[in-house]
Amino acid sequence: MADPFKAFAEFQNAWFRAWMNSTQNFAGMAQHYLEMQQRFFSQAVKYQRDHIEIATGPSLTDKYGKRAHDIDPERDV
């Protein structure tokens, strides 16, 4: 008579290998996600503004661009 637990042992072995592979893939993806997040936040620190510019008038170097002060609410009423 054939051993009934042989097939079950093979099934358990295959299932355990599949579980280990999926766990390893998940850990690799989580590590990749954390590295990408760290790079993203390091760029935010790299390109942050040191000071806040105050709009001084319509010029190309102004914070809001050339048309920032085209509309004067007191004059255009």
Protein backbone atom coordinates (compact mmCIF):
# COMPACT_ATOMS: atom_id res chain seq x y z
CA MET A 1 0.00 0.00 0.00
CA ALA A 2 1.21 3.49 -0.84
CA ASP A 3 2.16 5.86 1.93
CA PRO A 4 -0.71 8.38 2.24
CA PHE A 5 1.50 10.96 3.96
CA LYS A 6 4.08 11.06 1.14
CA ALA A 7 1.88 13.17 -1.11
CA PHE A 8 0.96 15.40 1.82
CA ALA A 9 4.63 15.90 2.71
CA GLU A 10 5.37 16.83 -0.90
CA PHE A 11 2.45 19.26 -0.85
CA GLN A 12 3.71 20.84 2.36
CA ASN A 13 7.22 21.13 0.94
CA ALA A 14 5.96 22.79 -2.26
CA TRP A 15 3.69 25.12 -0.29
CA PHE A 16 6.54 26.11 2.02
CA ARG A 17 8.83 26.88 -0.93
CA ALA A 18 6.12 28.99 -2.58
CA TRP A 19 5.53 30.84 0.68
CA MET A 20 9.25 31.51 1.10
CA ASN A 21 9.55 32.83 -2.46
CA SER A 22 6.56 35.13 -2.06
CA THR A 23 7.85 36.39 1.29
CA GLN A 24 11.25 37.09 -0.24
CA ASN A 25 9.65 38.97 -3.15
CA PHE A 26 7.52 41.01 -0.75
CA ALA A 27 10.55 41.91 1.34
CA GLY A 28 12.41 43.00 -1.80
CA MET A 29 9.50 45.18 -2.91
CA ALA A 30 9.19 46.73 0.56
CA GLN A 31 12.92 47.51 0.56
CA HIS A 32 12.63 49.07 -2.91
CA TYR A 33 9.64 51.15 -1.76
CA LEU A 34 11.51 52.46 1.26
CA GLU A 35 14.56 53.35 -0.85
CA MET A 36 12.39 55.23 -3.35
CA GLN A 37 10.62 57.07 -0.53
CA GLN A 38 13.97 58.03 1.00
CA ARG A 39 15.20 59.37 -2.36
CA PHE A 40 11.97 61.34 -2.80
CA PHE A 41 12.27 63.00 0.61
CA SER A 42 15.97 63.73 0.11
CA GLN A 43 15.05 65.63 -3.06
CA ALA A 44 12.47 67.63 -1.11
CA VAL A 45 15.21 68.70 1.31
CA LYS A 46 17.58 69.42 -1.56
CA TYR A 47 15.17 71.73 -3.42
CA GLN A 48 13.46 73.43 -0.48
CA ARG A 49 13.29 77.18 -0.40
CA ASP A 50 15.59 78.97 2.02
CA HIS A 51 13.40 82.04 2.30
CA ILE A 52 9.98 83.22 1.18
CA GLU A 53 10.04 85.85 -1.54
CA ILE A 54 7.59 88.72 -1.30
CA ALA A 55 6.02 89.82 -4.55
CA THR A 56 7.34 93.27 -5.42
CA GLY A 57 5.64 93.96 -8.76
CA PRO A 58 5.18 92.74 -12.31
CA SER A 59 8.58 91.47 -13.39
CA LEU A 60 9.97 88.27 -14.88
CA THR A 61 11.88 87.50 -11.70
CA ASP A 62 8.85 87.98 -9.46
CA LYS A 63 7.55 85.05 -7.43
CA TYR A 64 4.23 84.92 -9.27
CA GLY A 65 5.51 85.80 -12.71
CA LYS A 66 4.92 88.75 -14.98
CA ARG A 67 1.14 89.06 -14.56
CA ALA A 68 1.00 88.87 -10.76
CA HIS A 69 -0.13 92.47 -10.28
CA ASP A 70 -1.95 93.24 -13.53
CA ILE A 71 -5.30 93.53 -11.81
CA ASP A 72 -5.75 96.35 -9.33
CA PRO A 73 -9.03 95.86 -7.44
CA GLU A 74 -9.21 99.51 -6.37
CA ARG A 75 -8.72 100.81 -9.89
CA ASP A 76 -10.81 98.21 -11.77
CA VAL A 77 -14.00 98.57 -9.70
